């Protein structure tokens, strides 16, 4: 039933039905924005990449090269590629981004600093995973997708997704909790 609805929605979107395109945007924009924002440095970049993603989606529909079966799989695969392209282009820049948010004088800066440090450590640990492990962990735990959905996005069997998830989580645990490793 859900696959029939998605197939109908996709057919309508390919015909540039405004309601179908709006339904796709409304359904997929929030989770895709969260997925992208957790992988890039700032909110503005995440907004730009998410907008670029939907622009590419429309261009692909116009060319007839958009999704064949799963809208969700196509969009997440395209989002993943956009993030990779972003970091490849960024390697050649010489400047650091300026922080967009000013510190709130009423905020608990100690707690905020600890939280930012934990996020930075997690992001660094994620960067040490293989690209496939990082994508599985991000899609599973940050985007909240099922193993079957991830398998469709990555075009891999569910067993391979489970294996990548297990190895990725084991590697993250070793990096983020090195003291536990020594006591075992």
C-alpha atoms as a PDB file:
ATOM      1  CA  UNK A   1       0.000   0.000   0.000  1.00  0.00           C
ATOM      2  CA  UNK A   2       2.752   2.450   0.958  1.00  0.00           C
ATOM      3  CA  UNK A   3       4.710   1.499  -2.156  1.00  0.00           C
ATOM      4  CA  UNK A   4       1.624   2.102  -4.314  1.00  0.00           C
ATOM      5  CA  UNK A   5       1.170   5.544  -2.761  1.00  0.00           C
ATOM      6  CA  UNK A   6       4.820   6.404  -3.340  1.00  0.00           C
ATOM      7  CA  UNK A   7       4.623   5.145  -6.941  1.00  0.00           C
ATOM      8  CA  UNK A   8       1.543   7.291  -7.540  1.00  0.00           C
ATOM      9  CA  UNK A   9       3.195  10.302  -5.881  1.00  0.00           C
ATOM     10  CA  UNK A  10       6.315   9.799  -7.995  1.00  0.00           C
ATOM     11  CA  UNK A  11       4.276   9.566 -11.210  1.00  0.00           C
ATOM     12  CA  UNK A  12       2.472  12.778 -10.309  1.00  0.00           C
ATOM     13  CA  UNK A  13       5.759  14.503  -9.469  1.00  0.00           C
ATOM     14  CA  UNK A  14       7.233  13.420 -12.790  1.00  0.00           C
ATOM     15  CA  UNK A  15       4.263  15.145 -14.421  1.00  0.00           C
ATOM     16  CA  UNK A  16       5.147  18.252 -12.355  1.00  0.00           C
ATOM     17  CA  UNK A  17       1.928  18.139 -10.348  1.00  0.00           C
ATOM     18  CA  UNK A  18       2.356  21.002  -7.866  1.00  0.00           C
ATOM     19  CA  UNK A  19       0.502  19.198  -5.078  1.00  0.00           C
ATOM     20  CA  UNK A  20       2.647  16.087  -5.455  1.00  0.00           C
ATOM     21  CA  UNK A  21       5.846  18.138  -5.456  1.00  0.00           C
ATOM     22  CA  UNK A  22       4.656  20.041  -2.380  1.00  0.00           C
ATOM     23  CA  UNK A  23       3.789  16.757  -0.640  1.00  0.00           C
ATOM     24  CA  UNK A  24       7.278  15.392  -1.369  1.00  0.00           C
ATOM     25  CA  UNK A  25       8.870  18.581  -0.089  1.00  0.00           C
ATOM     26  CA  UNK A  26       6.734  18.632   3.066  1.00  0.00           C
ATOM     27  CA  UNK A  27       7.420  14.977   3.804  1.00  0.00           C
ATOM     28  CA  UNK A  28      11.148  14.846   3.104  1.00  0.00           C
ATOM     29  CA  UNK A  29      12.493  18.343   3.782  1.00  0.00           C
ATOM     30  CA  UNK A  30      12.611  18.151   7.616  1.00  0.00           C
ATOM     31  CA  UNK A  31      14.419  14.781   7.869  1.00  0.00           C
ATOM     32  CA  UNK A  32      16.781  15.612   5.008  1.00  0.00           C
ATOM     33  CA  UNK A  33      17.632  18.985   6.542  1.00  0.00           C
ATOM     34  CA  UNK A  34      18.402  17.236   9.855  1.00  0.00           C
ATOM     35  CA  UNK A  35      20.477  14.611   8.028  1.00  0.00           C
ATOM     36  CA  UNK A  36      22.536  17.258   6.233  1.00  0.00           C
ATOM     37  CA  UNK A  37      22.814  19.635   9.211  1.00  0.00           C
ATOM     38  CA  UNK A  38      24.347  16.915  11.357  1.00  0.00           C
ATOM     39  CA  UNK A  39      27.106  16.447   8.827  1.00  0.00           C
ATOM     40  CA  UNK A  40      28.088  20.047   8.089  1.00  0.00           C
ATOM     41  CA  UNK A  41      29.438  22.854  10.234  1.00  0.00           C
ATOM     42  CA  UNK A  42      26.643  25.397  10.284  1.00  0.00           C
ATOM     43  CA  UNK A  43      22.927  25.902   9.742  1.00  0.00           C
ATOM     44  CA  UNK A  44      23.321  28.199   6.750  1.00  0.00           C
ATOM     45  CA  UNK A  45      25.336  25.579   4.878  1.00  0.00           C
ATOM     46  CA  UNK A  46      22.740  22.934   5.757  1.00  0.00           C
ATOM     47  CA  UNK A  47      19.953  25.193   4.447  1.00  0.00           C
ATOM     48  CA  UNK A  48      21.861  25.849   1.229  1.00  0.00           C
ATOM     49  CA  UNK A  49      22.619  22.177   0.650  1.00  0.00           C
ATOM     50  CA  UNK A  50      19.027  21.155   1.373  1.00  0.00           C
ATOM     51  CA  UNK A  51      17.741  23.771  -1.068  1.00  0.00           C
ATOM     52  CA  UNK A  52      20.264  22.576  -3.639  1.00  0.00           C
ATOM     53  CA  UNK A  53      19.068  19.007  -3.078  1.00  0.00           C
ATOM     54  CA  UNK A  54      15.467  19.845  -3.935  1.00  0.00           C
ATOM     55  CA  UNK A  55      16.631  21.939  -6.878  1.00  0.00           C
ATOM     56  CA  UNK A  56      18.553  18.906  -8.182  1.00  0.00           C
ATOM     57  CA  UNK A  57      15.486  16.764  -7.601  1.00  0.00           C
ATOM     58  CA  UNK A  58      13.404  19.064  -9.799  1.00  0.00           C
ATOM     59  CA  UNK A  59      16.125  19.195 -12.463  1.00  0.00           C
ATOM     60  CA  UNK A  60      16.363  15.400 -12.452  1.00  0.00           C
ATOM     61  CA  UNK A  61      12.588  15.094 -12.859  1.00  0.00           C
ATOM     62  CA  UNK A  62      12.716  17.559 -15.744  1.00  0.00           C
ATOM     63  CA  UNK A  63      15.449  15.536 -17.477  1.00  0.00           C
ATOM     64  CA  UNK A  64      13.664  12.258 -16.764  1.00  0.00           C
ATOM     65  CA  UNK A  65      16.574  10.990 -14.665  1.00  0.00           C
ATOM     66  CA  UNK A  66      14.967  11.260 -11.237  1.00  0.00           C
ATOM     67  CA  UNK A  67      14.016   8.387  -8.963  1.00  0.00           C
ATOM     68  CA  UNK A  68      12.753   5.212 -10.589  1.00  0.00           C
ATOM     69  CA  UNK A  69      11.134   3.602  -7.538  1.00  0.00           C
ATOM     70  CA  UNK A  70      11.973   5.150  -4.178  1.00  0.00           C
ATOM     71  CA  UNK A  71      11.832   8.899  -3.733  1.00  0.00           C
ATOM     72  CA  UNK A  72      13.346   8.589  -0.263  1.00  0.00           C
ATOM     73  CA  UNK A  73      16.301   6.479  -1.458  1.00  0.00           C
ATOM     74  CA  UNK A  74      17.023   8.890  -4.317  1.00  0.00           C
ATOM     75  CA  UNK A  75      16.848  11.960  -2.077  1.00  0.00           C
ATOM     76  CA  UNK A  76      19.091  10.523   0.660  1.00  0.00           C
ATOM     77  CA  UNK A  77      21.615   9.273  -1.889  1.00  0.00           C
ATOM     78  CA  UNK A  78      21.660  12.714  -3.507  1.00  0.00           C
ATOM     79  CA  UNK A  79      21.978  14.398  -0.077  1.00  0.00           C
ATOM     80  CA  UNK A  80      24.912  12.143   0.774  1.00  0.00           C
ATOM     81  CA  UNK A  81      26.601  13.075  -2.519  1.00  0.00           C
ATOM     82  CA  UNK A  82      26.004  16.788  -1.903  1.00  0.00           C
ATOM     83  CA  UNK A  83      27.662  16.578   1.522  1.00  0.00           C
ATOM     84  CA  UNK A  84      30.652  14.739   0.046  1.00  0.00           C
ATOM     85  CA  UNK A  85      30.940  17.355  -2.714  1.00  0.00           C
ATOM     86  CA  UNK A  86      30.706  20.132  -0.113  1.00  0.00           C
ATOM     87  CA  UNK A  87      33.660  18.746   1.834  1.00  0.00           C
ATOM     88  CA  UNK A  88      35.685  18.169  -1.330  1.00  0.00           C
ATOM     89  CA  UNK A  89      35.195  21.790  -2.391  1.00  0.00           C
ATOM     90  CA  UNK A  90      35.920  23.014   1.128  1.00  0.00           C
ATOM     91  CA  UNK A  91      39.381  21.412   1.133  1.00  0.00           C
ATOM     92  CA  UNK A  92      40.520  24.121  -1.252  1.00  0.00           C
ATOM     93  CA  UNK A  93      39.330  27.065   0.811  1.00  0.00           C
ATOM     94  CA  UNK A  94      41.778  28.900   3.020  1.00  0.00           C
ATOM     95  CA  UNK A  95      39.380  30.558   5.436  1.00  0.00           C
ATOM     96  CA  UNK A  96      37.518  29.379   8.510  1.00  0.00           C
ATOM     97  CA  UNK A  97      33.787  30.060   8.856  1.00  0.00           C
ATOM     98  CA  UNK A  98      32.731  32.744  11.302  1.00  0.00           C
ATOM     99  CA  UNK A  99      30.328  31.652  14.035  1.00  0.00           C
ATOM    100  CA  UNK A 100      26.792  32.831  13.314  1.00  0.00           C
ATOM    101  CA  UNK A 101      25.539  32.794  16.865  1.00  0.00           C
ATOM    102  CA  UNK A 102      26.617  35.153  19.604  1.00  0.00           C
ATOM    103  CA  UNK A 103      26.967  33.840  23.133  1.00  0.00           C
ATOM    104  CA  UNK A 104      23.900  34.446  25.284  1.00  0.00           C
ATOM    105  CA  UNK A 105      24.966  36.106  28.539  1.00  0.00           C
ATOM    106  CA  UNK A 106      22.310  34.124  30.448  1.00  0.00           C
ATOM    107  CA  UNK A 107      23.443  30.778  29.043  1.00  0.00           C
ATOM    108  CA  UNK A 108      25.397  28.235  31.062  1.00  0.00           C
ATOM    109  CA  UNK A 109      28.638  28.552  29.110  1.00  0.00           C
ATOM    110  CA  UNK A 110      30.310  25.651  30.934  1.00  0.00           C
ATOM    111  CA  UNK A 111      27.521  23.260  29.975  1.00  0.00           C
ATOM    112  CA  UNK A 112      27.448  24.637  26.435  1.00  0.00           C
ATOM    113  CA  UNK A 113      31.229  24.217  26.111  1.00  0.00           C
ATOM    114  CA  UNK A 114      31.009  20.599  27.296  1.00  0.00           C
ATOM    115  CA  UNK A 115      28.202  19.898  24.844  1.00  0.00           C
ATOM    116  CA  UNK A 116      30.122  21.492  21.963  1.00  0.00           C
ATOM    117  CA  UNK A 117      33.216  19.483  22.886  1.00  0.00           C
ATOM    118  CA  UNK A 118      31.205  16.253  22.945  1.00  0.00           C
ATOM    119  CA  UNK A 119      29.735  17.085  19.520  1.00  0.00           C
ATOM    120  CA  UNK A 120      33.186  17.888  18.144  1.00  0.00           C
ATOM    121  CA  UNK A 121      34.583  14.609  19.491  1.00  0.00           C
ATOM    122  CA  UNK A 122      31.683  12.658  17.989  1.00  0.00           C
ATOM    123  CA  UNK A 123      32.102  14.394  14.633  1.00  0.00           C
ATOM    124  CA  UNK A 124      35.851  13.651  14.628  1.00  0.00           C
ATOM    125  CA  UNK A 125      35.169  10.029  15.531  1.00  0.00           C
ATOM    126  CA  UNK A 126      32.617   9.773  12.713  1.00  0.00           C
ATOM    127  CA  UNK A 127      35.181  11.119  10.250  1.00  0.00           C
ATOM    128  CA  UNK A 128      37.512   8.193  11.020  1.00  0.00           C
ATOM    129  CA  UNK A 129      34.920   5.627   9.903  1.00  0.00           C
ATOM    130  CA  UNK A 130      34.825   4.373   6.348  1.00  0.00           C
ATOM    131  CA  UNK A 131      32.439   6.320   4.118  1.00  0.00           C
ATOM    132  CA  UNK A 132      29.938   3.429   4.118  1.00  0.00           C
ATOM    133  CA  UNK A 133      30.095   2.975   7.903  1.00  0.00           C
ATOM    134  CA  UNK A 134      29.616   6.710   8.431  1.00  0.00           C
ATOM    135  CA  UNK A 135      26.650   6.785   6.070  1.00  0.00           C
ATOM    136  CA  UNK A 136      24.968   3.804   7.770  1.00  0.00           C
ATOM    137  CA  UNK A 137      25.485   5.197  11.285  1.00  0.00           C
ATOM    138  CA  UNK A 138      24.267   8.646  10.232  1.00  0.00           C
ATOM    139  CA  UNK A 139      21.187   7.332   8.443  1.00  0.00           C
ATOM    140  CA  UNK A 140      20.334   4.896  11.234  1.00  0.00           C
ATOM    141  CA  UNK A 141      20.858   7.019  14.315  1.00  0.00           C
ATOM    142  CA  UNK A 142      20.641  10.596  13.114  1.00  0.00           C
ATOM    143  CA  UNK A 143      18.005  10.233  10.403  1.00  0.00           C
ATOM    144  CA  UNK A 144      16.167   7.384  12.169  1.00  0.00           C
ATOM    145  CA  UNK A 145      15.826   5.161   9.110  1.00  0.00           C
ATOM    146  CA  UNK A 146      15.351   1.394   9.192  1.00  0.00           C
ATOM    147  CA  UNK A 147      17.963  -1.050   7.906  1.00  0.00           C
ATOM    148  CA  UNK A 148      15.721  -1.810   4.921  1.00  0.00           C
ATOM    149  CA  UNK A 149      15.445   1.873   4.023  1.00  0.00           C
ATOM    150  CA  UNK A 150      19.215   2.309   4.370  1.00  0.00           C
ATOM    151  CA  UNK A 151      19.788  -0.744   2.170  1.00  0.00           C
ATOM    152  CA  UNK A 152      17.614   0.854  -0.505  1.00  0.00           C
ATOM    153  CA  UNK A 153      19.445   4.169  -0.256  1.00  0.00           C
ATOM    154  CA  UNK A 154      22.895   2.593  -0.388  1.00  0.00           C
ATOM    155  CA  UNK A 155      21.908  -0.123  -2.880  1.00  0.00           C
ATOM    156  CA  UNK A 156      23.311  -2.827  -0.574  1.00  0.00           C
ATOM    157  CA  UNK A 157      21.801  -5.930   1.024  1.00  0.00           C
ATOM    158  CA  UNK A 158      20.325  -5.547   4.518  1.00  0.00           C
ATOM    159  CA  UNK A 159      22.990  -7.913   5.888  1.00  0.00           C
ATOM    160  CA  UNK A 160      25.743  -5.630   4.605  1.00  0.00           C
ATOM    161  CA  UNK A 161      24.047  -2.654   6.268  1.00  0.00           C
ATOM    162  CA  UNK A 162      23.884  -4.530   9.582  1.00  0.00           C
ATOM    163  CA  UNK A 163      27.555  -5.467   9.281  1.00  0.00           C
ATOM    164  CA  UNK A 164      28.586  -1.885   8.475  1.00  0.00           C
ATOM    165  CA  UNK A 165      26.518  -0.646  11.412  1.00  0.00           C
ATOM    166  CA  UNK A 166      28.098  -3.132  13.813  1.00  0.00           C
ATOM    167  CA  UNK A 167      31.653  -2.357  12.715  1.00  0.00           C
ATOM    168  CA  UNK A 168      31.020   1.391  12.691  1.00  0.00           C
ATOM    169  CA  UNK A 169      29.540   1.394  16.189  1.00  0.00           C
ATOM    170  CA  UNK A 170      32.368  -0.781  17.504  1.00  0.00           C
ATOM    171  CA  UNK A 171      34.910   1.639  16.071  1.00  0.00           C
ATOM    172  CA  UNK A 172      33.081   4.643  17.550  1.00  0.00           C
ATOM    173  CA  UNK A 173      32.935   2.958  20.937  1.00  0.00           C
ATOM    174  CA  UNK A 174      36.682   2.269  20.861  1.00  0.00           C
ATOM    175  CA  UNK A 175      37.404   5.897  19.988  1.00  0.00           C
ATOM    176  CA  UNK A 176      34.934   7.589  22.319  1.00  0.00           C
ATOM    177  CA  UNK A 177      35.457   5.277  25.318  1.00  0.00           C
ATOM    178  CA  UNK A 178      39.152   4.305  25.248  1.00  0.00           C
ATOM    179  CA  UNK A 179      39.213   3.717  29.032  1.00  0.00           C
ATOM    180  CA  UNK A 180      36.679   0.877  28.695  1.00  0.00           C
ATOM    181  CA  UNK A 181      38.911  -0.803  26.131  1.00  0.00           C
ATOM    182  CA  UNK A 182      41.842  -0.853  28.548  1.00  0.00           C
ATOM    183  CA  UNK A 183      39.841  -2.318  31.434  1.00  0.00           C
ATOM    184  CA  UNK A 184      38.467  -5.236  29.389  1.00  0.00           C
END
